[in-house]
C-alpha atoms as a PDB file:
ATOM      1  CA  UNK A   1      -7.002 -10.420  -4.249  1.00  0.00           C
ATOM      2  CA  UNK A   2      -5.020 -12.496  -6.718  1.00  0.00           C
ATOM      3  CA  UNK A   3      -2.597 -10.275  -8.595  1.00  0.00           C
ATOM      4  CA  UNK A   4      -3.361  -7.421  -6.233  1.00  0.00           C
ATOM      5  CA  UNK A   5      -0.990  -4.540  -5.658  1.00  0.00           C
ATOM      6  CA  UNK A   6      -3.144  -2.740  -3.092  1.00  0.00           C
ATOM      7  CA  UNK A   7      -5.173  -2.173  -1.139  1.00  0.00           C
ATOM      8  CA  UNK A   8      -5.847  -5.913  -1.587  1.00  0.00           C
ATOM      9  CA  UNK A   9      -2.577  -7.791  -2.076  1.00  0.00           C
ATOM     10  CA  UNK A  10      -1.348 -11.098  -3.302  1.00  0.00           C
ATOM     11  CA  UNK A  11       1.972 -12.281  -1.900  1.00  0.00           C
ATOM     12  CA  UNK A  12       4.321 -10.760  -4.478  1.00  0.00           C
ATOM     13  CA  UNK A  13       2.244  -7.586  -4.675  1.00  0.00           C
ATOM     14  CA  UNK A  14       2.779  -7.168  -0.937  1.00  0.00           C
ATOM     15  CA  UNK A  15       6.538  -7.738  -1.141  1.00  0.00           C
ATOM     16  CA  UNK A  16       7.018  -5.432  -4.140  1.00  0.00           C
ATOM     17  CA  UNK A  17       4.924  -2.687  -2.505  1.00  0.00           C
ATOM     18  CA  UNK A  18       6.775  -3.043   0.830  1.00  0.00           C
ATOM     19  CA  UNK A  19      10.179  -2.691  -0.808  1.00  0.00           C
ATOM     20  CA  UNK A  20       8.917   0.149  -3.011  1.00  0.00           C
ATOM     21  CA  UNK A  21       7.883   2.019   0.140  1.00  0.00           C
ATOM     22  CA  UNK A  22      11.502   1.627   1.300  1.00  0.00           C
ATOM     23  CA  UNK A  23      12.717   3.133  -1.980  1.00  0.00           C
ATOM     24  CA  UNK A  24      13.782  -0.147  -3.615  1.00  0.00           C
ATOM     25  CA  UNK A  25      11.998  -1.293  -6.768  1.00  0.00           C
ATOM     26  CA  UNK A  26      11.732  -5.055  -7.225  1.00  0.00           C
ATOM     27  CA  UNK A  27       9.901  -7.088  -9.824  1.00  0.00           C
ATOM     28  CA  UNK A  28       6.260  -8.027  -9.457  1.00  0.00           C
ATOM     29  CA  UNK A  29       6.153 -11.852  -9.328  1.00  0.00           C
ATOM     30  CA  UNK A  30       7.572 -14.182  -6.689  1.00  0.00           C
ATOM     31  CA  UNK A  31       9.541 -16.187  -9.253  1.00  0.00           C
ATOM     32  CA  UNK A  32      11.144 -13.126 -10.828  1.00  0.00           C
ATOM     33  CA  UNK A  33      11.873 -11.699  -7.374  1.00  0.00           C
ATOM     34  CA  UNK A  34      13.746 -14.883  -6.442  1.00  0.00           C
ATOM     35  CA  UNK A  35      15.780 -14.708  -9.648  1.00  0.00           C
ATOM     36  CA  UNK A  36      16.928 -11.146  -8.926  1.00  0.00           C
ATOM     37  CA  UNK A  37      17.536 -10.962  -5.169  1.00  0.00           C
ATOM     38  CA  UNK A  38      20.777 -11.753  -3.361  1.00  0.00           C
ATOM     39  CA  UNK A  39      20.548 -15.247  -1.850  1.00  0.00           C
ATOM     40  CA  UNK A  40      20.884 -15.132   1.945  1.00  0.00           C
ATOM     41  CA  UNK A  41      21.408 -18.104   4.304  1.00  0.00           C
ATOM     42  CA  UNK A  42      18.602 -18.328   6.865  1.00  0.00           C
ATOM     43  CA  UNK A  43      21.147 -17.866   9.660  1.00  0.00           C
ATOM     44  CA  UNK A  44      21.686 -14.313   8.315  1.00  0.00           C
ATOM     45  CA  UNK A  45      18.010 -13.303   8.012  1.00  0.00           C
ATOM     46  CA  UNK A  46      17.130  -9.750   8.916  1.00  0.00           C
ATOM     47  CA  UNK A  47      13.787  -7.953   8.822  1.00  0.00           C
ATOM     48  CA  UNK A  48      12.703  -7.204   5.276  1.00  0.00           C
ATOM     49  CA  UNK A  49      14.342 -10.250   3.713  1.00  0.00           C
ATOM     50  CA  UNK A  50      12.089 -12.346   1.504  1.00  0.00           C
ATOM     51  CA  UNK A  51      11.167 -15.972   2.168  1.00  0.00           C
ATOM     52  CA  UNK A  52      10.168 -18.013  -0.868  1.00  0.00           C
ATOM     53  CA  UNK A  53       8.090 -21.217  -0.962  1.00  0.00           C
ATOM     54  CA  UNK A  54       7.969 -23.758  -3.784  1.00  0.00           C
ATOM     55  CA  UNK A  55       6.380 -27.042  -4.772  1.00  0.00           C
ATOM     56  CA  UNK A  56       9.898 -28.359  -5.474  1.00  0.00           C
ATOM     57  CA  UNK A  57      12.567 -26.467  -3.518  1.00  0.00           C
ATOM     58  CA  UNK A  58      15.259 -27.612  -5.950  1.00  0.00           C
ATOM     59  CA  UNK A  59      13.414 -25.902  -8.834  1.00  0.00           C
ATOM     60  CA  UNK A  60      12.870 -22.109  -8.629  1.00  0.00           C
ATOM     61  CA  UNK A  61      10.333 -22.316 -11.461  1.00  0.00           C
ATOM     62  CA  UNK A  62       7.919 -23.921  -8.962  1.00  0.00           C
ATOM     63  CA  UNK A  63       7.950 -21.010  -6.492  1.00  0.00           C
ATOM     64  CA  UNK A  64       4.359 -20.304  -5.468  1.00  0.00           C
ATOM     65  CA  UNK A  65       4.591 -17.910  -2.502  1.00  0.00           C
ATOM     66  CA  UNK A  66       6.747 -15.178  -0.973  1.00  0.00           C
ATOM     67  CA  UNK A  67       6.639 -13.496   2.443  1.00  0.00           C
ATOM     68  CA  UNK A  68       8.607 -10.793   4.275  1.00  0.00           C
ATOM     69  CA  UNK A  69      10.697 -11.703   7.315  1.00  0.00           C
ATOM     70  CA  UNK A  70       9.555  -9.540  10.241  1.00  0.00           C
ATOM     71  CA  UNK A  71      12.205 -10.594  12.770  1.00  0.00           C
ATOM     72  CA  UNK A  72      11.920 -12.722  15.874  1.00  0.00           C
ATOM     73  CA  UNK A  73      10.999 -15.835  13.915  1.00  0.00           C
ATOM     74  CA  UNK A  74       7.940 -14.187  12.332  1.00  0.00           C
ATOM     75  CA  UNK A  75       6.930 -13.230   8.818  1.00  0.00           C
ATOM     76  CA  UNK A  76       4.327 -11.041   7.126  1.00  0.00           C
ATOM     77  CA  UNK A  77       2.369 -12.529   4.260  1.00  0.00           C
ATOM     78  CA  UNK A  78      -0.645 -12.139   2.018  1.00  0.00           C
ATOM     79  CA  UNK A  79      -1.570 -15.822   2.254  1.00  0.00           C
ATOM     80  CA  UNK A  80      -4.303 -16.199  -0.371  1.00  0.00           C
ATOM     81  CA  UNK A  81      -7.154 -14.325  -2.023  1.00  0.00           C
ATOM     82  CA  UNK A  82      -9.762 -13.291   0.522  1.00  0.00           C
ATOM     83  CA  UNK A  83      -7.442 -13.570   3.541  1.00  0.00           C
ATOM     84  CA  UNK A  84      -6.013 -10.358   5.034  1.00  0.00           C
ATOM     85  CA  UNK A  85      -2.298  -9.657   5.232  1.00  0.00           C
ATOM     86  CA  UNK A  86      -1.079 -11.140   8.494  1.00  0.00           C
ATOM     87  CA  UNK A  87       1.966 -11.678  10.680  1.00  0.00           C
ATOM     88  CA  UNK A  88       2.597 -15.332  11.529  1.00  0.00           C
ATOM     89  CA  UNK A  89       5.404 -17.571  12.805  1.00  0.00           C
ATOM     90  CA  UNK A  90       7.936 -18.584  10.152  1.00  0.00           C
ATOM     91  CA  UNK A  91       7.026 -21.701   8.199  1.00  0.00           C
ATOM     92  CA  UNK A  92       9.919 -23.859   7.092  1.00  0.00           C
ATOM     93  CA  UNK A  93       7.980 -26.451   5.107  1.00  0.00           C
ATOM     94  CA  UNK A  94       8.553 -25.914   1.366  1.00  0.00           C
ATOM     95  CA  UNK A  95      10.904 -22.942   1.953  1.00  0.00           C
ATOM     96  CA  UNK A  96      13.534 -22.450  -0.753  1.00  0.00           C
ATOM     97  CA  UNK A  97      17.137 -23.195   0.330  1.00  0.00           C
ATOM     98  CA  UNK A  98      17.887 -19.455   0.612  1.00  0.00           C
ATOM     99  CA  UNK A  99      16.051 -16.300   1.553  1.00  0.00           C
ATOM    100  CA  UNK A 100      16.398 -13.234  -0.633  1.00  0.00           C
ATOM    101  CA  UNK A 101      17.562  -9.678  -0.036  1.00  0.00           C
ATOM    102  CA  UNK A 102      16.709  -7.019  -2.627  1.00  0.00           C
END
């Protein structure tokens, strides 16, 4: 569900709801989440960190997707409307230069 915050989620709805369940409120959209999180090098990823994807990784205004790092080289995402939330291997193509930690 595009723009969904549950039970159907879009990507940023999933990440904001996940962090809210952990007691941390973050903004609702992937672009605003990227603006507000601490930037983390991928070598320091830990479960719960956010992975952002963009059309142009040098321009945060083109961010189009966000996922949650699950650990072990895997992430949890709400990939697109009509597709269930899923755990998948990390994708590096189009990933922003840094992950984010709320």
